[in-house]
Amino acid sequence: MAMSDQHPHTPDGRYFVVSGRLWRLSNPALAAEERERLVGLLMAARRQVGAARKRQDPDAERAARAAVDEAKRLLGERGPVWWNDGAPDYNRHMVRNTPYADWYAQLALLAPPPRS
């Protein structure tokens, strides 16, 4: 199991899990420089969303959210899947409702008990 901070990655490297929900990872075939450029675009768009919300400018917020969506599509996190084996997309699904349910349940069994 790959980990990103405290968020486990599915064994096939397609998703990470936050609060029991699957989120699609970026396309691993992207060149490092291209990924860095696209992540920069994504972060800038997210900052624009925050600025527009702070200004209470719905038109600017809508445009910024569209820029976030475009960056995520270019990264492969949304839109057509980046894998080609015909497997369906479970992006944003609760992991318990997907073929990853058994894998995720095993993680809970392997997790150390919470500290007191």
PDB file of N, CA and C in Angstrom:
ATOM      1  N   MET A   1       0.841  -1.179   0.000  1.00  0.00           N
ATOM      2  CA  MET A   1       0.000   0.000   0.000  1.00  0.00           C
ATOM      3  C   MET A   1       0.880   1.235   0.000  1.00  0.00           C
ATOM      4  N   ALA A   2       0.695   2.087  -0.985  1.00  0.00           N
ATOM      5  CA  ALA A   2       1.394   3.365  -1.015  1.00  0.00           C
ATOM      6  C   ALA A   2       0.639   4.352  -0.144  1.00  0.00           C
ATOM      7  N   MET A   3       1.361   5.257   0.448  1.00  0.00           N
ATOM      8  CA  MET A   3       0.719   6.257   1.308  1.00  0.00           C
ATOM      9  C   MET A   3       1.134   7.644   0.846  1.00  0.00           C
ATOM     10  N   SER A   4       0.235   8.571   0.972  1.00  0.00           N
ATOM     11  CA  SER A   4       0.502   9.973   0.759  1.00  0.00           C
ATOM     12  C   SER A   4       0.055  10.653   2.033  1.00  0.00           C
ATOM     13  N   ASP A   5       1.008  11.102   2.818  1.00  0.00           N
ATOM     14  CA  ASP A   5       0.695  11.582   4.154  1.00  0.00           C
ATOM     15  C   ASP A   5      -0.061  10.465   4.871  1.00  0.00           C
ATOM     16  N   GLN A   6      -1.273  10.729   5.334  1.00  0.00           N
ATOM     17  CA  GLN A   6      -2.052   9.679   5.989  1.00  0.00           C
ATOM     18  C   GLN A   6      -3.119   9.094   5.076  1.00  0.00           C
ATOM     19  N   HIS A   7      -3.105   9.426   3.799  1.00  0.00           N
ATOM     20  CA  HIS A   7      -4.133   8.968   2.874  1.00  0.00           C
ATOM     21  C   HIS A   7      -3.629   7.769   2.071  1.00  0.00           C
ATOM     22  N   PRO A   8      -4.234   6.602   2.279  1.00  0.00           N
ATOM     23  CA  PRO A   8      -3.761   5.418   1.556  1.00  0.00           C
ATOM     24  C   PRO A   8      -4.090   5.484   0.065  1.00  0.00           C
ATOM     25  N   HIS A   9      -3.191   4.914  -0.716  1.00  0.00           N
ATOM     26  CA  HIS A   9      -3.391   4.781  -2.163  1.00  0.00           C
ATOM     27  C   HIS A   9      -3.826   3.357  -2.448  1.00  0.00           C
ATOM     28  N   THR A  10      -4.761   3.204  -3.375  1.00  0.00           N
ATOM     29  CA  THR A  10      -5.197   1.866  -3.760  1.00  0.00           C
ATOM     30  C   THR A  10      -4.016   1.105  -4.357  1.00  0.00           C
ATOM     31  N   PRO A  11      -4.045  -0.214  -4.255  1.00  0.00           N
ATOM     32  CA  PRO A  11      -2.921  -1.011  -4.765  1.00  0.00           C
ATOM     33  C   PRO A  11      -2.600  -0.773  -6.240  1.00  0.00           C
ATOM     34  N   ASP A  12      -3.613  -0.411  -7.039  1.00  0.00           N
ATOM     35  CA  ASP A  12      -3.366  -0.163  -8.465  1.00  0.00           C
ATOM     36  C   ASP A  12      -2.892   1.266  -8.747  1.00  0.00           C
ATOM     37  N   GLY A  13      -2.788   2.096  -7.720  1.00  0.00           N
ATOM     38  CA  GLY A  13      -2.267   3.452  -7.884  1.00  0.00           C
ATOM     39  C   GLY A  13      -3.211   4.420  -8.565  1.00  0.00           C
ATOM     40  N   ARG A  14      -4.488   4.098  -8.596  1.00  0.00           N
ATOM     41  CA  ARG A  14      -5.450   4.966  -9.287  1.00  0.00           C
ATOM     42  C   ARG A  14      -6.107   5.983  -8.369  1.00  0.00           C
ATOM     43  N   TYR A  15      -6.232   5.667  -7.089  1.00  0.00           N
ATOM     44  CA  TYR A  15      -6.975   6.520  -6.165  1.00  0.00           C
ATOM     45  C   TYR A  15      -6.249   6.645  -4.835  1.00  0.00           C
ATOM     46  N   PHE A  16      -6.591   7.705  -4.096  1.00  0.00           N
ATOM     47  CA  PHE A  16      -6.252   7.780  -2.687  1.00  0.00           C
ATOM     48  C   PHE A  16      -7.573   7.927  -1.942  1.00  0.00           C
ATOM     49  N   VAL A  17      -7.565   7.629  -0.652  1.00  0.00           N
ATOM     50  CA  VAL A  17      -8.789   7.598   0.134  1.00  0.00           C
ATOM     51  C   VAL A  17      -8.732   8.671   1.213  1.00  0.00           C
ATOM     52  N   VAL A  18      -9.798   9.469   1.287  1.00  0.00           N
ATOM     53  CA  VAL A  18      -9.964  10.463   2.352  1.00  0.00           C
ATOM     54  C   VAL A  18     -11.360  10.272   2.915  1.00  0.00           C
ATOM     55  N   SER A  19     -11.431  10.047   4.209  1.00  0.00           N
ATOM     56  CA  SER A  19     -12.715   9.856   4.895  1.00  0.00           C
ATOM     57  C   SER A  19     -13.590   8.819   4.195  1.00  0.00           C
ATOM     58  N   GLY A  20     -12.973   7.738   3.747  1.00  0.00           N
ATOM     59  CA  GLY A  20     -13.716   6.654   3.132  1.00  0.00           C
ATOM     60  C   GLY A  20     -14.135   6.887   1.689  1.00  0.00           C
ATOM     61  N   ARG A  21     -13.675   7.965   1.077  1.00  0.00           N
ATOM     62  CA  ARG A  21     -14.047   8.288  -0.306  1.00  0.00           C
ATOM     63  C   ARG A  21     -12.808   8.199  -1.205  1.00  0.00           C
ATOM     64  N   LEU A  22     -13.004   7.633  -2.394  1.00  0.00           N
ATOM     65  CA  LEU A  22     -11.929   7.525  -3.377  1.00  0.00           C
ATOM     66  C   LEU A  22     -11.789   8.819  -4.168  1.00  0.00           C
ATOM     67  N   TRP A  23     -10.549   9.236  -4.358  1.00  0.00           N
ATOM     68  CA  TRP A  23     -10.227  10.408  -5.173  1.00  0.00           C
ATOM     69  C   TRP A  23      -9.164   9.990  -6.178  1.00  0.00           C
ATOM     70  N   ARG A  24      -9.410  10.265  -7.449  1.00  0.00           N
ATOM     71  CA  ARG A  24      -8.489   9.827  -8.491  1.00  0.00           C
ATOM     72  C   ARG A  24      -7.162  10.571  -8.398  1.00  0.00           C
ATOM     73  N   LEU A  25      -6.094   9.813  -8.531  1.00  0.00           N
ATOM     74  CA  LEU A  25      -4.748  10.384  -8.559  1.00  0.00           C
ATOM     75  C   LEU A  25      -4.423  10.918  -9.950  1.00  0.00           C
ATOM     76  N   SER A  26      -3.414  11.744 -10.028  1.00  0.00           N
ATOM     77  CA  SER A  26      -2.934  12.259 -11.308  1.00  0.00           C
ATOM     78  C   SER A  26      -2.373  11.135 -12.157  1.00  0.00           C
ATOM     79  N   ASN A  27      -2.352  11.358 -13.431  1.00  0.00           N
ATOM     80  CA  ASN A  27      -1.807  10.398 -14.382  1.00  0.00           C
ATOM     81  C   ASN A  27      -0.309  10.221 -14.131  1.00  0.00           C
ATOM     82  N   PRO A  28       0.136   9.038 -13.757  1.00  0.00           N
ATOM     83  CA  PRO A  28       1.558   8.836 -13.473  1.00  0.00           C
ATOM     84  C   PRO A  28       2.436   8.896 -14.719  1.00  0.00           C
ATOM     85  N   ALA A  29       1.827   8.873 -15.906  1.00  0.00           N
ATOM     86  CA  ALA A  29       2.608   8.941 -17.140  1.00  0.00           C
ATOM     87  C   ALA A  29       3.001  10.369 -17.506  1.00  0.00           C
ATOM     88  N   LEU A  30       2.487  11.359 -16.781  1.00  0.00           N
ATOM     89  CA  LEU A  30       2.866  12.743 -17.066  1.00  0.00           C
ATOM     90  C   LEU A  30       4.340  12.957 -16.737  1.00  0.00           C
ATOM     91  N   ALA A  31       5.027  13.657 -17.613  1.00  0.00           N
ATOM     92  CA  ALA A  31       6.423  14.015 -17.345  1.00  0.00           C
ATOM     93  C   ALA A  31       6.470  14.917 -16.115  1.00  0.00           C
ATOM     94  N   ALA A  32       7.525  14.822 -15.348  1.00  0.00           N
ATOM     95  CA  ALA A  32       7.654  15.595 -14.098  1.00  0.00           C
ATOM     96  C   ALA A  32       7.481  17.095 -14.340  1.00  0.00           C
ATOM     97  N   GLU A  33       8.072  17.597 -15.405  1.00  0.00           N
ATOM     98  CA  GLU A  33       7.981  19.034 -15.693  1.00  0.00           C
ATOM     99  C   GLU A  33       6.542  19.438 -16.018  1.00  0.00           C
ATOM    100  N   GLU A  34       5.848  18.587 -16.777  1.00  0.00           N
ATOM    101  CA  GLU A  34       4.457  18.876 -17.128  1.00  0.00           C
ATOM    102  C   GLU A  34       3.571  18.802 -15.893  1.00  0.00           C
ATOM    103  N   ARG A  35       3.787  17.803 -15.055  1.00  0.00           N
ATOM    104  CA  ARG A  35       3.020  17.684 -13.814  1.00  0.00           C
ATOM    105  C   ARG A  35       3.236  18.927 -12.943  1.00  0.00           C
ATOM    106  N   GLU A  36       4.478  19.346 -12.816  1.00  0.00           N
ATOM    107  CA  GLU A  36       4.786  20.535 -12.014  1.00  0.00           C
ATOM    108  C   GLU A  36       4.077  21.771 -12.574  1.00  0.00           C
ATOM    109  N   ARG A  37       4.095  21.918 -13.890  1.00  0.00           N
ATOM    110  CA  ARG A  37       3.423  23.058 -14.529  1.00  0.00           C
ATOM    111  C   ARG A  37       1.922  23.017 -14.262  1.00  0.00           C
ATOM    112  N   LEU A  38       1.323  21.850 -14.419  1.00  0.00           N
ATOM    113  CA  LEU A  38      -0.121  21.708 -14.220  1.00  0.00           C
ATOM    114  C   LEU A  38      -0.518  21.899 -12.759  1.00  0.00           C
ATOM    115  N   VAL A  39       0.288  21.395 -11.846  1.00  0.00           N
ATOM    116  CA  VAL A  39       0.007  21.613 -10.422  1.00  0.00           C
ATOM    117  C   VAL A  39       0.096  23.103 -10.105  1.00  0.00           C
ATOM    118  N   GLY A  40       1.039  23.803 -10.727  1.00  0.00           N
ATOM    119  CA  GLY A  40       1.131  25.261 -10.549  1.00  0.00           C
ATOM    120  C   GLY A  40      -0.136  25.953 -11.028  1.00  0.00           C
ATOM    121  N   LEU A  41      -0.660  25.524 -12.176  1.00  0.00           N
ATOM    122  CA  LEU A  41      -1.914  26.083 -12.681  1.00  0.00           C
ATOM    123  C   LEU A  41      -3.067  25.796 -11.722  1.00  0.00           C
ATOM    124  N   LEU A  42      -3.095  24.567 -11.205  1.00  0.00           N
ATOM    125  CA  LEU A  42      -4.153  24.177 -10.271  1.00  0.00           C
ATOM    126  C   LEU A  42      -4.095  25.027  -8.999  1.00  0.00           C
ATOM    127  N   MET A  43      -2.921  25.189  -8.445  1.00  0.00           N
ATOM    128  CA  MET A  43      -2.791  25.971  -7.205  1.00  0.00           C
ATOM    129  C   MET A  43      -3.161  27.436  -7.447  1.00  0.00           C
ATOM    130  N   ALA A  44      -2.758  27.979  -8.585  1.00  0.00           N
ATOM    131  CA  ALA A  44      -3.116  29.365  -8.904  1.00  0.00           C
ATOM    132  C   ALA A  44      -4.625  29.502  -9.042  1.00  0.00           C
ATOM    133  N   ALA A  45      -5.258  28.548  -9.689  1.00  0.00           N
ATOM    134  CA  ALA A  45      -6.717  28.592  -9.851  1.00  0.00           C
ATOM    135  C   ALA A  45      -7.411  28.481  -8.501  1.00  0.00           C
ATOM    136  N   ARG A  46      -6.891  27.641  -7.617  1.00  0.00           N
ATOM    137  CA  ARG A  46      -7.487  27.519  -6.277  1.00  0.00           C
ATOM    138  C   ARG A  46      -7.349  28.826  -5.503  1.00  0.00           C
ATOM    139  N   ARG A  47      -6.210  29.486  -5.656  1.00  0.00           N
ATOM    140  CA  ARG A  47      -6.053  30.804  -5.004  1.00  0.00           C
ATOM    141  C   ARG A  47      -7.049  31.812  -5.576  1.00  0.00           C
ATOM    142  N   GLN A  48      -7.300  31.728  -6.886  1.00  0.00           N
ATOM    143  CA  GLN A  48      -8.271  32.626  -7.514  1.00  0.00           C
ATOM    144  C   GLN A  48      -9.678  32.369  -6.991  1.00  0.00           C
ATOM    145  N   VAL A  49     -10.010  31.116  -6.733  1.00  0.00           N
ATOM    146  CA  VAL A  49     -11.315  30.799  -6.141  1.00  0.00           C
ATOM    147  C   VAL A  49     -11.438  31.492  -4.793  1.00  0.00           C
ATOM    148  N   GLY A  50     -10.416  31.354  -3.957  1.00  0.00           N
ATOM    149  CA  GLY A  50     -10.445  31.978  -2.640  1.00  0.00           C
ATOM    150  C   GLY A  50     -10.557  33.484  -2.716  1.00  0.00           C
ATOM    151  N   ALA A  51      -9.801  34.085  -3.618  1.00  0.00           N
ATOM    152  CA  ALA A  51      -9.848  35.541  -3.763  1.00  0.00           C
ATOM    153  C   ALA A  51     -11.224  35.999  -4.243  1.00  0.00           C
ATOM    154  N   ALA A  52     -11.799  35.282  -5.172  1.00  0.00           N
ATOM    155  CA  ALA A  52     -13.124  35.644  -5.686  1.00  0.00           C
ATOM    156  C   ALA A  52     -14.182  35.501  -4.594  1.00  0.00           C
ATOM    157  N   ARG A  53     -14.070  34.448  -3.805  1.00  0.00           N
ATOM    158  CA  ARG A  53     -15.026  34.270  -2.700  1.00  0.00           C
ATOM    159  C   ARG A  53     -14.884  35.401  -1.694  1.00  0.00           C
ATOM    160  N   LYS A  54     -13.647  35.770  -1.405  1.00  0.00           N
ATOM    161  CA  LYS A  54     -13.402  36.853  -0.444  1.00  0.00           C
ATOM    162  C   LYS A  54     -14.003  38.164  -0.951  1.00  0.00           C
ATOM    163  N   ARG A  55     -13.915  38.388  -2.265  1.00  0.00           N
ATOM    164  CA  ARG A  55     -14.489  39.606  -2.876  1.00  0.00           C
ATOM    165  C   ARG A  55     -15.987  39.473  -3.114  1.00  0.00           C
ATOM    166  N   GLN A  56     -16.519  38.272  -2.888  1.00  0.00           N
ATOM    167  CA  GLN A  56     -17.928  37.973  -3.161  1.00  0.00           C
ATOM    168  C   GLN A  56     -18.267  38.295  -4.617  1.00  0.00           C
ATOM    169  N   ASP A  57     -17.409  37.755  -5.504  1.00  0.00           N
ATOM    170  CA  ASP A  57     -17.547  37.974  -6.944  1.00  0.00           C
ATOM    171  C   ASP A  57     -17.920  36.641  -7.602  1.00  0.00           C
ATOM    172  N   PRO A  58     -19.219  36.370  -7.768  1.00  0.00           N
ATOM    173  CA  PRO A  58     -19.621  35.056  -8.297  1.00  0.00           C
ATOM    174  C   PRO A  58     -19.122  34.776  -9.711  1.00  0.00           C
ATOM    175  N   ASP A  59     -19.006  35.792 -10.545  1.00  0.00           N
ATOM    176  CA  ASP A  59     -18.511  35.559 -11.908  1.00  0.00           C
ATOM    177  C   ASP A  59     -17.047  35.135 -11.889  1.00  0.00           C
ATOM    178  N   ALA A  60     -16.244  35.815 -11.079  1.00  0.00           N
ATOM    179  CA  ALA A  60     -14.826  35.456 -10.967  1.00  0.00           C
ATOM    180  C   ALA A  60     -14.677  34.085 -10.321  1.00  0.00           C
ATOM    181  N   GLU A  61     -15.531  33.775  -9.344  1.00  0.00           N
ATOM    182  CA  GLU A  61     -15.458  32.464  -8.704  1.00  0.00           C
ATOM    183  C   GLU A  61     -15.797  31.360  -9.706  1.00  0.00           C
ATOM    184  N   ARG A  62     -16.818  31.580 -10.511  1.00  0.00           N
ATOM    185  CA  ARG A  62     -17.210  30.599 -11.523  1.00  0.00           C
ATOM    186  C   ARG A  62     -16.055  30.368 -12.505  1.00  0.00           C
ATOM    187  N   ALA A  63     -15.412  31.449 -12.934  1.00  0.00           N
ATOM    188  CA  ALA A  63     -14.282  31.335 -13.866  1.00  0.00           C
ATOM    189  C   ALA A  63     -13.108  30.610 -13.207  1.00  0.00           C
ATOM    190  N   ALA A  64     -12.852  30.912 -11.945  1.00  0.00           N
ATOM    191  CA  ALA A  64     -11.749  30.261 -11.238  1.00  0.00           C
ATOM    192  C   ALA A  64     -12.037  28.773 -11.038  1.00  0.00           C
ATOM    193  N   ARG A  65     -13.273  28.444 -10.706  1.00  0.00           N
ATOM    194  CA  ARG A  65     -13.631  27.028 -10.547  1.00  0.00           C
ATOM    195  C   ARG A  65     -13.500  26.281 -11.874  1.00  0.00           C
ATOM    196  N   ALA A  66     -13.806  26.938 -12.969  1.00  0.00           N
ATOM    197  CA  ALA A  66     -13.620  26.318 -14.287  1.00  0.00           C
ATOM    198  C   ALA A  66     -12.136  26.078 -14.546  1.00  0.00           C
ATOM    199  N   ALA A  67     -11.282  26.996 -14.110  1.00  0.00           N
ATOM    200  CA  ALA A  67      -9.831  26.820 -14.274  1.00  0.00           C
ATOM    201  C   ALA A  67      -9.331  25.661 -13.407  1.00  0.00           C
ATOM    202  N   VAL A  68      -9.878  25.505 -12.199  1.00  0.00           N
ATOM    203  CA  VAL A  68      -9.528  24.363 -11.345  1.00  0.00           C
ATOM    204  C   VAL A  68      -9.919  23.074 -12.069  1.00  0.00           C
ATOM    205  N   ASP A  69     -11.128  23.024 -12.589  1.00  0.00           N
ATOM    206  CA  ASP A  69     -11.603  21.830 -13.280  1.00  0.00           C
ATOM    207  C   ASP A  69     -10.707  21.503 -14.471  1.00  0.00           C
ATOM    208  N   GLU A  70     -10.338  22.495 -15.244  1.00  0.00           N
ATOM    209  CA  GLU A  70      -9.489  22.265 -16.417  1.00  0.00           C
ATOM    210  C   GLU A  70      -8.126  21.710 -16.000  1.00  0.00           C
ATOM    211  N   ALA A  71      -7.533  22.272 -14.965  1.00  0.00           N
ATOM    212  CA  ALA A  71      -6.233  21.784 -14.504  1.00  0.00           C
ATOM    213  C   ALA A  71      -6.348  20.340 -14.023  1.00  0.00           C
ATOM    214  N   LYS A  72      -7.415  20.030 -13.295  1.00  0.00           N
ATOM    215  CA  LYS A  72      -7.611  18.665 -12.805  1.00  0.00           C
ATOM    216  C   LYS A  72      -7.819  17.693 -13.969  1.00  0.00           C
ATOM    217  N   ARG A  73      -8.499  18.132 -15.018  1.00  0.00           N
ATOM    218  CA  ARG A  73      -8.677  17.281 -16.199  1.00  0.00           C
ATOM    219  C   ARG A  73      -7.341  17.033 -16.897  1.00  0.00           C
ATOM    220  N   LEU A  74      -6.530  18.072 -17.010  1.00  0.00           N
ATOM    221  CA  LEU A  74      -5.221  17.913 -17.642  1.00  0.00           C
ATOM    222  C   LEU A  74      -4.306  17.008 -16.822  1.00  0.00           C
ATOM    223  N   LEU A  75      -4.458  17.036 -15.503  1.00  0.00           N
ATOM    224  CA  LEU A  75      -3.685  16.161 -14.625  1.00  0.00           C
ATOM    225  C   LEU A  75      -4.208  14.715 -14.659  1.00  0.00           C
ATOM    226  N   GLY A  76      -5.423  14.536 -15.159  1.00  0.00           N
ATOM    227  CA  GLY A  76      -6.021  13.208 -15.208  1.00  0.00           C
ATOM    228  C   GLY A  76      -6.851  12.864 -13.987  1.00  0.00           C
ATOM    229  N   GLU A  77      -7.068  13.839 -13.116  1.00  0.00           N
ATOM    230  CA  GLU A  77      -7.841  13.603 -11.894  1.00  0.00           C
ATOM    231  C   GLU A  77      -9.344  13.639 -12.145  1.00  0.00           C
ATOM    232  N   ARG A  78      -9.748  14.200 -13.261  1.00  0.00           N
ATOM    233  CA  ARG A  78     -11.155  14.249 -13.672  1.00  0.00           C
ATOM    234  C   ARG A  78     -11.209  13.952 -15.164  1.00  0.00           C
ATOM    235  N   GLY A  79     -12.423  13.750 -15.655  1.00  0.00           N
ATOM    236  CA  GLY A  79     -12.597  13.494 -17.081  1.00  0.00           C
ATOM    237  C   GLY A  79     -12.261  12.058 -17.422  1.00  0.00           C
ATOM    238  N   PRO A  80     -11.864  11.823 -18.668  1.00  0.00           N
ATOM    239  CA  PRO A  80     -11.553  10.453 -19.094  1.00  0.00           C
ATOM    240  C   PRO A  80     -10.439   9.855 -18.232  1.00  0.00           C
ATOM    241  N   VAL A  81     -10.556   8.578 -17.930  1.00  0.00           N
ATOM    242  CA  VAL A  81      -9.542   7.919 -17.112  1.00  0.00           C
ATOM    243  C   VAL A  81      -8.232   7.814 -17.884  1.00  0.00           C
ATOM    244  N   TRP A  82      -7.137   7.741 -17.164  1.00  0.00           N
ATOM    245  CA  TRP A  82      -5.825   7.648 -17.800  1.00  0.00           C
ATOM    246  C   TRP A  82      -5.359   6.205 -17.966  1.00  0.00           C
ATOM    247  N   TRP A  83      -6.074   5.253 -17.407  1.00  0.00           N
ATOM    248  CA  TRP A  83      -5.696   3.850 -17.603  1.00  0.00           C
ATOM    249  C   TRP A  83      -6.475   3.306 -18.800  1.00  0.00           C
ATOM    250  N   ASN A  84      -5.973   2.215 -19.358  1.00  0.00           N
ATOM    251  CA  ASN A  84      -6.583   1.710 -20.595  1.00  0.00           C
ATOM    252  C   ASN A  84      -6.969   0.229 -20.518  1.00  0.00           C
ATOM    253  N   ASP A  85      -7.222  -0.276 -19.296  1.00  0.00           N
ATOM    254  CA  ASP A  85      -7.591  -1.686 -19.176  1.00  0.00           C
ATOM    255  C   ASP A  85      -9.097  -1.898 -19.103  1.00  0.00           C
ATOM    256  N   GLY A  86      -9.869  -0.846 -19.322  1.00  0.00           N
ATOM    257  CA  GLY A  86     -11.319  -0.957 -19.329  1.00  0.00           C
ATOM    258  C   GLY A  86     -11.977  -0.884 -17.966  1.00  0.00           C
ATOM    259  N   ALA A  87     -11.180  -0.758 -16.901  1.00  0.00           N
ATOM    260  CA  ALA A  87     -11.753  -0.677 -15.552  1.00  0.00           C
ATOM    261  C   ALA A  87     -12.557   0.614 -15.411  1.00  0.00           C
ATOM    262  N   PRO A  88     -13.703   0.535 -14.731  1.00  0.00           N
ATOM    263  CA  PRO A  88     -14.527   1.731 -14.551  1.00  0.00           C
ATOM    264  C   PRO A  88     -13.876   2.726 -13.607  1.00  0.00           C
ATOM    265  N   ASP A  89     -14.412   3.926 -13.625  1.00  0.00           N
ATOM    266  CA  ASP A  89     -13.919   5.002 -12.762  1.00  0.00           C
ATOM    267  C   ASP A  89     -14.763   5.049 -11.492  1.00  0.00           C
ATOM    268  N   TYR A  90     -14.105   5.024 -10.346  1.00  0.00           N
ATOM    269  CA  TYR A  90     -14.794   5.126  -9.063  1.00  0.00           C
ATOM    270  C   TYR A  90     -14.465   6.434  -8.358  1.00  0.00           C
ATOM    271  N   ASN A  91     -14.022   7.437  -9.100  1.00  0.00           N
ATOM    272  CA  ASN A  91     -13.699   8.730  -8.509  1.00  0.00           C
ATOM    273  C   ASN A  91     -14.894   9.274  -7.727  1.00  0.00           C
ATOM    274  N   ARG A  92     -14.635   9.687  -6.512  1.00  0.00           N
ATOM    275  CA  ARG A  92     -15.600  10.282  -5.588  1.00  0.00           C
ATOM    276  C   ARG A  92     -16.606   9.278  -5.020  1.00  0.00           C
ATOM    277  N   HIS A  93     -16.463   8.010  -5.301  1.00  0.00           N
ATOM    278  CA  HIS A  93     -17.337   6.981  -4.715  1.00  0.00           C
ATOM    279  C   HIS A  93     -16.850   6.655  -3.311  1.00  0.00           C
ATOM    280  N   MET A  94     -17.774   6.249  -2.471  1.00  0.00           N
ATOM    281  CA  MET A  94     -17.394   5.725  -1.167  1.00  0.00           C
ATOM    282  C   MET A  94     -16.716   4.377  -1.412  1.00  0.00           C
ATOM    283  N   VAL A  95     -15.562   4.194  -0.816  1.00  0.00           N
ATOM    284  CA  VAL A  95     -14.774   2.994  -1.073  1.00  0.00           C
ATOM    285  C   VAL A  95     -15.552   1.726  -0.722  1.00  0.00           C
ATOM    286  N   ARG A  96     -16.415   1.790   0.266  1.00  0.00           N
ATOM    287  CA  ARG A  96     -17.182   0.600   0.684  1.00  0.00           C
ATOM    288  C   ARG A  96     -18.133   0.119  -0.406  1.00  0.00           C
ATOM    289  N   ASN A  97     -18.433   0.965  -1.390  1.00  0.00           N
ATOM    290  CA  ASN A  97     -19.344   0.612  -2.480  1.00  0.00           C
ATOM    291  C   ASN A  97     -18.608   0.267  -3.769  1.00  0.00           C
ATOM    292  N   THR A  98     -17.337  -0.061  -3.654  1.00  0.00           N
ATOM    293  CA  THR A  98     -16.520  -0.327  -4.839  1.00  0.00           C
ATOM    294  C   THR A  98     -15.775  -1.653  -4.671  1.00  0.00           C
ATOM    295  N   PRO A  99     -15.123  -2.114  -5.717  1.00  0.00           N
ATOM    296  CA  PRO A  99     -14.305  -3.331  -5.589  1.00  0.00           C
ATOM    297  C   PRO A  99     -13.119  -3.167  -4.624  1.00  0.00           C
ATOM    298  N   TYR A 100     -12.832  -1.967  -4.176  1.00  0.00           N
ATOM    299  CA  TYR A 100     -11.739  -1.725  -3.232  1.00  0.00           C
ATOM    300  C   TYR A 100     -12.173  -1.916  -1.780  1.00  0.00           C
ATOM    301  N   ALA A 101     -13.424  -2.270  -1.533  1.00  0.00           N
ATOM    302  CA  ALA A 101     -13.963  -2.355  -0.175  1.00  0.00           C
ATOM    303  C   ALA A 101     -13.174  -3.334   0.697  1.00  0.00           C
ATOM    304  N   ASP A 102     -12.889  -4.518   0.194  1.00  0.00           N
ATOM    305  CA  ASP A 102     -12.162  -5.500   0.997  1.00  0.00           C
ATOM    306  C   ASP A 102     -10.748  -5.025   1.313  1.00  0.00           C
ATOM    307  N   TRP A 103     -10.075  -4.455   0.332  1.00  0.00           N
ATOM    308  CA  TRP A 103      -8.737  -3.897   0.549  1.00  0.00           C
ATOM    309  C   TRP A 103      -8.787  -2.845   1.650  1.00  0.00           C
ATOM    310  N   TYR A 104      -9.754  -1.940   1.578  1.00  0.00           N
ATOM    311  CA  TYR A 104      -9.842  -0.858   2.554  1.00  0.00           C
ATOM    312  C   TYR A 104     -10.168  -1.405   3.946  1.00  0.00           C
ATOM    313  N   ALA A 105     -11.020  -2.398   4.019  1.00  0.00           N
ATOM    314  CA  ALA A 105     -11.357  -3.009   5.313  1.00  0.00           C
ATOM    315  C   ALA A 105     -10.114  -3.624   5.944  1.00  0.00           C
ATOM    316  N   GLN A 106      -9.242  -4.201   5.136  1.00  0.00           N
ATOM    317  CA  GLN A 106      -8.003  -4.781   5.664  1.00  0.00           C
ATOM    318  C   GLN A 106      -7.088  -3.709   6.257  1.00  0.00           C
ATOM    319  N   LEU A 107      -7.126  -2.503   5.694  1.00  0.00           N
ATOM    320  CA  LEU A 107      -6.304  -1.420   6.244  1.00  0.00           C
ATOM    321  C   LEU A 107      -6.688  -1.126   7.689  1.00  0.00           C
ATOM    322  N   ALA A 108      -7.974  -1.148   7.969  1.00  0.00           N
ATOM    323  CA  ALA A 108      -8.449  -0.876   9.328  1.00  0.00           C
ATOM    324  C   ALA A 108      -7.933  -1.947  10.284  1.00  0.00           C
ATOM    325  N   LEU A 109      -7.843  -3.170   9.813  1.00  0.00           N
ATOM    326  CA  LEU A 109      -7.344  -4.253  10.660  1.00  0.00           C
ATOM    327  C   LEU A 109      -5.848  -4.113  10.923  1.00  0.00           C
ATOM    328  N   LEU A 110      -5.128  -3.522   9.980  1.00  0.00           N
ATOM    329  CA  LEU A 110      -3.686  -3.376  10.099  1.00  0.00           C
ATOM    330  C   LEU A 110      -3.274  -2.099  10.818  1.00  0.00           C
ATOM    331  N   ALA A 111      -4.193  -1.165  10.955  1.00  0.00           N
ATOM    332  CA  ALA A 111      -3.867   0.133  11.561  1.00  0.00           C
ATOM    333  C   ALA A 111      -3.533  -0.033  13.035  1.00  0.00           C
ATOM    334  N   PRO A 112      -2.538   0.712  13.504  1.00  0.00           N
ATOM    335  CA  PRO A 112      -2.236   0.651  14.935  1.00  0.00           C
ATOM    336  C   PRO A 112      -3.371   1.281  15.724  1.00  0.00           C
ATOM    337  N   PRO A 113      -3.573   0.841  16.961  1.00  0.00           N
ATOM    338  CA  PRO A 113      -4.643   1.438  17.762  1.00  0.00           C
ATOM    339  C   PRO A 113      -4.358   2.907  18.042  1.00  0.00           C
ATOM    340  N   PRO A 114      -5.407   3.718  18.188  1.00  0.00           N
ATOM    341  CA  PRO A 114      -5.192   5.140  18.469  1.00  0.00           C
ATOM    342  C   PRO A 114      -4.456   5.325  19.799  1.00  0.00           C
ATOM    343  N   ARG A 115      -3.651   6.380  19.838  1.00  0.00           N
ATOM    344  CA  ARG A 115      -2.915   6.692  21.072  1.00  0.00           C
ATOM    345  C   ARG A 115      -3.854   7.280  22.107  1.00  0.00           C
ATOM    346  N   SER A 116      -3.589   6.957  23.376  1.00  0.00           N
ATOM    347  CA  SER A 116      -4.431   7.500  24.457  1.00  0.00           C
ATOM    348  C   SER A 116      -3.735   8.642  25.128  1.00  0.00           C
TER     349      SER A 116
END
